[in-house]
Amino acid sequence: MTIIEGLLAAEAESLLGHRSETISQELLYLPGPDYIDRVVADKSCNPRVLRNFQTLFSSGRLANTGYLSLLPVDQGVEHSGGASFAPNPLFFDPKNIVELAIEGGCNAVASTLGVLASVSRKYAHKIPFIMKINHNEMLSYPNIYDQTLFASVDQALDLGAVAVGATIYFGAPECRRQIQEVSAAFEYAHEQGLVTILWAYLRNPAFKGEGIDYHTAADLTGQANHLAATVNADIVKQKQAEGNFGYNAINFGKTHPKVYSQLTSDHPIDLVRYQVANCYMGRVGMINSGGASSGEDDLAQAVRTAVINKRAGGMGLISGRKAFQKPMKEGIALLNAIQDVYLDRTVTIA
């Protein structure tokens, strides 16, 4: 706790001492060692999904806690190989991506078909694989922002994955097609026994206005989470909420005054709790993304994100660039620092 407090610095008291008066923790299905039996077992999924879900929860330093620490490295496609790996060329080699996840104590590694297939025989039995089946690509000119199927559920099965991941850009012109594609893929994945994880991102130029970016607003990302749960994602990956009032600022869609007066506040933990509430009150686990690497304060920022997620009722962190754009030892230390937040029993639900 002393280390966590030191990293949180001036925010330590606010983040560690906050008591939420918005959505009661009693209404949430919180992570815990019995999450599979208590929550997941209620779902209409076959026993193979339960087994693979348990495999995720039984791996890495957070094994049997109900929390997840995942390493995602699909940025070579989503952002380009140069933009992603030039800071540390070691990670052009998929072997080092998987080694970082193992040495960093992660529950699983999430990446592309190409990355995981290139090393699957060496590592599939050593750490759970999550295979992303769709991606954006950054070589079309001018750039377009769409998610295209790069791989299939059957290919994920062949390389030994326990889960598939996909992205939907909610709010984008192409999102209706993406919803159809991902919903069908997730249905088939569940039939084959795989866990499903949705990257539920917002994407629309209209979600920015007057110098404010509402792509991470609690009300809009909360609705993205609700849509993710609707396509039967088992876990939702969402950017951590920053700010609110997206519906009002953009002046579209439907919301309710109580969202802002009773169900949220301006405290970051309450904003993230609203994200969790939209995941069927935690029946669908929510993991927050770690965000881009910003340099020397990455460790403090990662711990801050983890504290907010855990105290809000989230299920963990999926942090990539902050870890793999550093020397291996520093990346491992950052992943371990995130995990230490979830292992620390004094960091409780707000």
Protein backbone atom coordinates (compact mmCIF):
# COMPACT_ATOMS: atom_id res chain seq x y z
CA MET A 1 0.00 0.00 0.00
CA THR A 2 2.85 2.40 0.77
CA ILE A 3 4.20 1.96 -2.75
CA ILE A 4 0.74 2.42 -4.27
CA GLU A 5 0.17 5.56 -2.22
CA GLY A 6 3.53 6.91 -3.31
CA LEU A 7 2.73 6.37 -6.98
CA LEU A 8 -0.70 7.97 -6.62
CA ALA A 9 0.97 10.96 -4.92
CA ALA A 10 -1.47 13.84 -4.43
CA GLU A 11 -4.42 11.70 -5.55
CA ALA A 12 -3.81 8.94 -3.00
CA GLU A 13 -6.36 10.07 -0.45
CA SER A 14 -9.01 10.84 -3.06
CA LEU A 15 -8.67 7.54 -4.90
CA LEU A 16 -8.04 5.19 -1.98
CA GLY A 17 -10.46 6.80 0.48
CA HIS A 18 -13.42 7.43 -1.82
CA ARG A 19 -16.79 5.92 -0.90
CA SER A 20 -19.19 5.79 -3.81
CA GLU A 21 -22.69 7.16 -3.26
CA THR A 22 -23.90 6.59 -6.81
CA ILE A 23 -24.45 2.90 -7.64
CA SER A 24 -24.12 0.73 -4.54
CA GLN A 25 -21.54 -2.03 -4.59
CA GLU A 26 -24.30 -4.30 -3.27
CA LEU A 27 -25.89 -4.18 -6.72
CA LEU A 28 -22.75 -5.33 -8.51
CA TYR A 29 -21.52 -8.81 -9.38
CA LEU A 30 -17.96 -8.28 -8.25
CA PRO A 31 -14.87 -10.25 -9.28
CA GLY A 32 -13.72 -12.92 -6.86
CA PRO A 33 -12.28 -16.44 -6.67
CA ASP A 34 -15.79 -17.88 -7.15
CA TYR A 35 -16.79 -15.67 -10.10
CA ILE A 36 -17.15 -18.61 -12.52
CA ASP A 37 -19.47 -20.54 -10.20
CA ARG A 38 -21.30 -17.47 -8.91
CA VAL A 39 -21.81 -15.54 -12.15
CA VAL A 40 -20.59 -17.23 -15.33
CA ALA A 41 -22.29 -20.55 -14.56
CA ASP A 42 -25.67 -18.79 -14.88
CA LYS A 43 -25.02 -18.09 -18.56
CA SER A 44 -26.29 -20.19 -21.45
CA CYS A 45 -22.84 -21.44 -22.33
CA ASN A 46 -21.51 -24.94 -22.76
CA PRO A 47 -19.04 -26.52 -20.33
CA ARG A 48 -16.09 -25.88 -22.62
CA VAL A 49 -16.62 -22.13 -22.26
CA LEU A 50 -16.61 -22.54 -18.48
CA ARG A 51 -13.41 -24.54 -18.68
CA ASN A 52 -11.64 -21.96 -20.84
CA PHE A 53 -12.95 -19.13 -18.67
CA GLN A 54 -11.50 -20.87 -15.64
CA THR A 55 -8.21 -21.33 -17.48
CA LEU A 56 -8.00 -17.55 -17.93
CA PHE A 57 -8.71 -17.00 -14.25
CA SER A 58 -6.27 -19.70 -13.12
CA SER A 59 -3.15 -18.34 -14.83
CA GLY A 60 -0.48 -15.80 -13.95
CA ARG A 61 0.10 -13.86 -10.74
CA LEU A 62 -3.61 -13.07 -10.38
CA ALA A 63 -4.61 -16.74 -10.55
CA ASN A 64 -7.77 -17.54 -8.59
CA THR A 65 -8.48 -13.93 -7.60
CA GLY A 66 -11.19 -13.24 -10.20
CA TYR A 67 -9.10 -10.43 -11.69
CA LEU A 68 -7.31 -10.32 -15.03
CA SER A 69 -4.01 -8.82 -16.18
CA LEU A 70 -3.74 -9.17 -19.95
CA LEU A 71 -1.02 -8.19 -22.41
CA PRO A 72 -2.46 -7.05 -25.76
CA VAL A 73 -0.09 -6.64 -28.69
CA ASP A 74 -2.06 -6.10 -31.89
CA GLN A 75 -0.74 -2.59 -32.40
CA GLY A 76 1.51 -3.72 -35.25
CA VAL A 77 -1.68 -3.86 -37.31
CA GLU A 78 -3.76 -1.21 -35.56
CA HIS A 79 -1.03 1.46 -35.48
CA SER A 80 1.74 0.03 -37.75
CA GLY A 81 4.77 -2.03 -36.83
CA GLY A 82 7.09 0.97 -36.90
CA ALA A 83 4.93 3.13 -34.67
CA SER A 84 4.53 0.29 -32.20
CA PHE A 85 7.91 -1.45 -32.11
CA ALA A 86 10.49 1.18 -33.05
CA PRO A 87 10.81 2.18 -29.35
CA ASN A 88 11.81 -1.42 -28.64
CA PRO A 89 12.54 -3.49 -31.81
CA LEU A 90 12.77 -6.63 -29.66
CA PHE A 91 8.99 -6.96 -30.01
CA PHE A 92 8.97 -7.31 -33.77
CA ASP A 93 9.62 -10.95 -32.77
CA PRO A 94 6.40 -12.62 -31.54
CA LYS A 95 8.44 -14.81 -29.19
CA ASN A 96 9.29 -11.80 -27.06
CA ILE A 97 5.66 -10.69 -26.92
CA VAL A 98 4.67 -14.01 -25.39
CA GLU A 99 7.74 -14.10 -23.14
CA LEU A 100 6.83 -10.67 -21.75
CA ALA A 101 3.34 -11.91 -20.91
CA ILE A 102 4.73 -15.01 -19.20
CA GLU A 103 7.53 -13.29 -17.31
CA GLY A 104 5.21 -10.41 -16.47
CA GLY A 105 2.75 -12.76 -14.74
CA CYS A 106 -0.18 -12.06 -17.06
CA ASN A 107 -3.28 -14.26 -17.20
CA ALA A 108 -3.09 -14.32 -21.00
CA VAL A 109 -1.59 -12.73 -24.10
CA ALA A 110 -3.84 -11.20 -26.76
CA SER A 111 -2.59 -10.73 -30.29
CA THR A 112 -3.13 -11.38 -33.98
CA LEU A 113 -3.42 -14.64 -35.86
CA GLY A 114 0.04 -14.15 -37.32
CA VAL A 115 1.76 -13.43 -34.01
CA LEU A 116 0.18 -16.32 -32.10
CA ALA A 117 0.34 -18.84 -34.95
CA SER A 118 4.07 -18.20 -35.41
CA VAL A 119 4.83 -19.46 -31.89
CA SER A 120 1.76 -21.49 -30.92
CA ARG A 121 3.48 -24.89 -30.68
CA LYS A 122 6.04 -23.47 -28.26
CA TYR A 123 3.73 -21.46 -26.03
CA ALA A 124 0.05 -22.46 -26.33
CA HIS A 125 0.37 -24.80 -23.36
CA LYS A 126 2.34 -22.28 -21.27
CA ILE A 127 0.02 -19.26 -21.28
CA PRO A 128 -3.58 -18.80 -22.49
CA PHE A 129 -3.95 -17.23 -25.94
CA ILE A 130 -6.59 -14.66 -26.91
CA MET A 131 -6.72 -14.24 -30.68
CA LYS A 132 -8.08 -11.03 -32.22
CA ILE A 133 -10.16 -11.86 -35.29
CA ASN A 134 -10.67 -8.35 -36.73
CA HIS A 135 -8.50 -5.29 -37.11
CA ASN A 136 -8.17 -1.86 -38.59
CA GLU A 137 -5.20 -1.37 -40.93
CA MET A 138 -3.19 1.77 -41.41
CA LEU A 139 -1.86 1.40 -44.96
CA SER A 140 -4.97 2.44 -46.91
CA TYR A 141 -4.71 6.02 -48.11
CA PRO A 142 -6.43 8.09 -47.02
CA ASN A 143 -6.76 6.29 -43.70
CA ILE A 144 -10.09 4.64 -43.01
CA TYR A 145 -11.33 3.58 -39.61
CA ASP A 146 -13.04 0.25 -40.02
CA GLN A 147 -12.63 -3.19 -38.49
CA THR A 148 -12.20 -6.02 -40.98
CA LEU A 149 -12.13 -9.75 -40.33
CA PHE A 150 -8.53 -10.91 -40.61
CA ALA A 151 -9.05 -14.36 -39.11
CA SER A 152 -11.66 -16.93 -38.10
CA VAL A 153 -12.80 -18.67 -34.94
CA ASP A 154 -11.61 -21.98 -36.41
CA GLN A 155 -8.09 -20.60 -36.77
CA ALA A 156 -8.18 -19.55 -33.12
CA LEU A 157 -9.15 -23.09 -32.19
CA ASP A 158 -6.37 -24.56 -34.31
CA LEU A 159 -3.64 -22.54 -32.58
CA GLY A 160 -4.94 -23.44 -29.10
CA ALA A 161 -6.60 -20.18 -28.04
CA VAL A 162 -8.98 -20.10 -25.07
CA ALA A 163 -10.70 -16.90 -26.24
CA VAL A 164 -11.30 -14.71 -29.26
CA GLY A 165 -11.31 -10.94 -29.26
CA ALA A 166 -12.88 -8.47 -31.65
CA THR A 167 -13.38 -4.73 -31.95
CA ILE A 168 -16.51 -2.78 -32.82
CA TYR A 169 -16.28 0.95 -33.48
CA PHE A 170 -19.63 2.00 -32.04
CA GLY A 171 -20.83 5.24 -33.56
CA ALA A 172 -18.91 4.72 -36.81
CA PRO A 173 -20.81 4.47 -40.12
CA GLU A 174 -19.65 0.85 -40.46
CA CYS A 175 -20.65 -0.28 -36.97
CA ARG A 176 -23.90 -2.00 -38.01
CA ARG A 177 -21.93 -4.36 -40.27
CA GLN A 178 -19.32 -4.88 -37.55
CA ILE A 179 -22.07 -5.74 -35.05
CA GLN A 180 -23.44 -8.39 -37.41
CA GLU A 181 -20.01 -9.89 -38.11
CA VAL A 182 -18.91 -9.97 -34.49
CA SER A 183 -22.24 -11.24 -33.18
CA ALA A 184 -22.11 -14.18 -35.61
CA ALA A 185 -18.46 -14.88 -34.78
CA PHE A 186 -19.14 -14.78 -31.04
CA GLU A 187 -22.09 -17.15 -31.41
CA TYR A 188 -19.88 -19.65 -33.22
CA ALA A 189 -17.03 -19.12 -30.74
CA HIS A 190 -19.33 -19.99 -27.85
CA GLU A 191 -20.53 -23.10 -29.68
CA GLN A 192 -16.88 -24.14 -29.95
CA GLY A 193 -16.16 -23.41 -26.28
CA LEU A 194 -14.21 -20.15 -26.56
CA VAL A 195 -14.55 -17.10 -24.33
CA THR A 196 -15.46 -13.87 -26.16
CA ILE A 197 -13.89 -10.46 -25.47
CA LEU A 198 -15.05 -7.27 -27.16
CA TRP A 199 -12.97 -4.13 -27.61
CA ALA A 200 -15.99 -1.76 -27.33
CA TYR A 201 -14.59 1.48 -28.70
CA LEU A 202 -16.32 4.65 -29.82
CA ARG A 203 -15.32 6.18 -33.14
CA ASN A 204 -16.94 9.23 -34.71
CA PRO A 205 -15.54 12.72 -35.43
CA ALA A 206 -18.75 14.22 -34.05
CA PHE A 207 -17.82 12.88 -30.60
CA LYS A 208 -15.35 15.76 -30.32
CA GLY A 209 -16.53 19.29 -29.77
CA GLU A 210 -15.26 22.62 -28.48
CA GLY A 211 -11.88 21.14 -27.62
CA ILE A 212 -13.32 18.22 -25.62
CA ASP A 213 -13.08 14.58 -26.67
CA TYR A 214 -16.15 12.63 -25.62
CA HIS A 215 -14.89 9.26 -26.89
CA THR A 216 -14.14 8.42 -23.24
CA ALA A 217 -17.21 10.06 -21.66
CA ALA A 218 -18.83 7.83 -19.06
CA ASP A 219 -22.32 8.07 -20.54
CA LEU A 220 -21.25 7.22 -24.11
CA THR A 221 -18.76 4.50 -23.20
CA GLY A 222 -21.34 3.09 -20.79
CA GLN A 223 -23.74 2.65 -23.70
CA ALA A 224 -20.97 1.06 -25.78
CA ASN A 225 -20.51 -1.44 -22.93
CA HIS A 226 -24.25 -2.14 -22.91
CA LEU A 227 -24.16 -2.86 -26.64
CA ALA A 228 -21.12 -5.09 -26.14
CA ALA A 229 -23.00 -7.10 -23.53
CA THR A 230 -25.92 -7.33 -25.94
CA VAL A 231 -23.83 -9.18 -28.55
CA ASN A 232 -22.98 -11.64 -25.75
CA ALA A 233 -19.41 -10.65 -25.02
CA ASP A 234 -18.14 -12.40 -21.91
CA ILE A 235 -15.65 -9.61 -21.16
CA VAL A 236 -15.64 -6.01 -22.36
CA LYS A 237 -12.48 -4.01 -22.94
CA GLN A 238 -13.15 -0.30 -22.57
CA LYS A 239 -11.10 2.85 -22.30
CA GLN A 240 -11.32 4.18 -18.76
CA ALA A 241 -13.94 6.92 -18.46
CA GLU A 242 -12.69 10.48 -18.46
CA GLY A 243 -15.44 13.04 -18.16
CA ASN A 244 -19.16 12.75 -18.83
CA PHE A 245 -22.11 14.54 -20.47
CA GLY A 246 -21.34 13.25 -23.96
CA TYR A 247 -24.99 12.90 -24.93
CA ASN A 248 -25.74 16.45 -23.84
CA ALA A 249 -22.71 17.99 -25.51
CA ILE A 250 -23.26 16.27 -28.84
CA ASN A 251 -27.03 16.70 -28.53
CA PHE A 252 -28.11 13.34 -29.90
CA GLY A 253 -29.49 10.01 -28.71
CA LYS A 254 -31.34 9.45 -25.47
CA THR A 255 -30.25 9.75 -21.87
CA HIS A 256 -31.80 10.70 -18.53
CA PRO A 257 -31.03 13.46 -15.99
CA LYS A 258 -30.54 10.86 -13.24
CA VAL A 259 -27.53 9.48 -15.12
CA TYR A 260 -25.73 12.67 -14.13
CA SER A 261 -27.42 13.59 -10.87
CA GLN A 262 -27.58 10.16 -9.17
CA LEU A 263 -25.76 7.45 -11.10
CA THR A 264 -22.49 9.31 -11.65
CA SER A 265 -20.44 12.07 -10.09
CA ASP A 266 -17.28 13.82 -11.22
CA HIS A 267 -15.11 11.36 -9.28
CA PRO A 268 -13.19 9.00 -11.60
CA ILE A 269 -14.24 5.91 -9.63
CA ASP A 270 -17.92 6.80 -9.97
CA LEU A 271 -17.49 7.40 -13.70
CA VAL A 272 -15.95 3.95 -14.14
CA ARG A 273 -18.61 2.37 -11.94
CA TYR A 274 -21.20 3.59 -14.43
CA GLN A 275 -19.22 1.75 -17.12
CA VAL A 276 -19.35 -1.41 -14.99
CA ALA A 277 -23.08 -1.00 -14.35
CA ASN A 278 -23.70 -1.01 -18.09
CA CYS A 279 -22.00 -4.41 -18.28
CA TYR A 280 -25.13 -5.92 -16.72
CA MET A 281 -23.96 -4.79 -13.27
CA GLY A 282 -20.81 -6.90 -13.62
CA ARG A 283 -22.35 -10.07 -15.04
CA VAL A 284 -20.08 -9.21 -17.96
CA GLY A 285 -16.60 -8.37 -16.70
CA MET A 286 -15.07 -5.03 -17.66
CA ILE A 287 -11.36 -4.56 -18.16
CA ASN A 288 -9.91 -1.12 -18.83
CA SER A 289 -7.21 -0.47 -21.39
CA GLY A 290 -3.89 0.87 -20.24
CA GLY A 291 -3.54 3.53 -22.93
CA ALA A 292 -0.55 4.84 -24.82
CA SER A 293 2.93 5.12 -23.36
CA SER A 294 3.66 8.66 -22.26
CA GLY A 295 7.14 8.19 -20.85
CA GLU A 296 8.47 8.39 -17.31
CA ASP A 297 5.06 8.54 -15.60
CA ASP A 298 3.78 5.31 -17.21
CA LEU A 299 4.17 3.31 -13.99
CA ALA A 300 2.21 5.82 -11.92
CA GLN A 301 -0.48 6.12 -14.59
CA ALA A 302 -0.83 2.33 -14.84
CA VAL A 303 -1.25 1.99 -11.07
CA ARG A 304 -3.76 4.84 -11.04
CA THR A 305 -5.81 3.15 -13.77
CA ALA A 306 -5.73 -0.15 -11.87
CA VAL A 307 -6.83 1.44 -8.58
CA ILE A 308 -9.76 3.18 -10.25
CA ASN A 309 -10.81 0.03 -12.10
CA LYS A 310 -10.64 -2.20 -9.04
CA ARG A 311 -12.38 0.21 -6.68
CA ALA A 312 -15.13 0.82 -9.27
CA GLY A 313 -15.86 -2.92 -9.58
CA GLY A 314 -13.92 -3.67 -12.75
CA MET A 315 -12.23 -6.97 -13.56
CA GLY A 316 -8.72 -5.83 -14.40
CA LEU A 317 -6.43 -4.17 -16.90
CA ILE A 318 -5.27 -4.91 -20.42
CA SER A 319 -2.10 -2.91 -20.84
CA GLY A 320 0.19 -3.13 -23.86
CA ARG A 321 2.22 -0.15 -25.06
CA LYS A 322 3.14 0.97 -21.56
CA ALA A 323 4.80 -2.44 -21.13
CA PHE A 324 6.23 -3.53 -24.47
CA GLN A 325 7.65 -0.16 -25.54
CA LYS A 326 10.14 -0.40 -22.67
CA PRO A 327 13.08 -2.69 -21.97
CA MET A 328 11.86 -6.13 -20.95
CA LYS A 329 12.70 -5.71 -17.25
CA GLU A 330 10.85 -2.40 -17.05
CA GLY A 331 7.86 -3.86 -18.85
CA ILE A 332 7.73 -6.75 -16.41
CA ALA A 333 7.96 -4.35 -13.47
CA LEU A 334 5.06 -2.30 -14.81
CA LEU A 335 2.84 -5.36 -15.30
CA ASN A 336 3.70 -6.56 -11.81
CA ALA A 337 2.85 -3.16 -10.33
CA ILE A 338 -0.61 -3.37 -11.93
CA GLN A 339 -1.10 -6.86 -10.57
CA ASP A 340 0.00 -5.76 -7.10
CA VAL A 341 -3.01 -3.43 -6.96
CA TYR A 342 -5.37 -6.36 -7.47
CA LEU A 343 -3.44 -8.55 -5.04
CA ASP A 344 -3.54 -5.87 -2.31
CA ARG A 345 -6.57 -6.62 -0.15
CA THR A 346 -6.49 -3.15 1.37
CA VAL A 347 -7.47 -1.71 -2.02
CA THR A 348 -11.17 -2.41 -1.73
CA ILE A 349 -14.38 -1.75 -3.64
CA ALA A 350 -15.51 1.84 -3.11
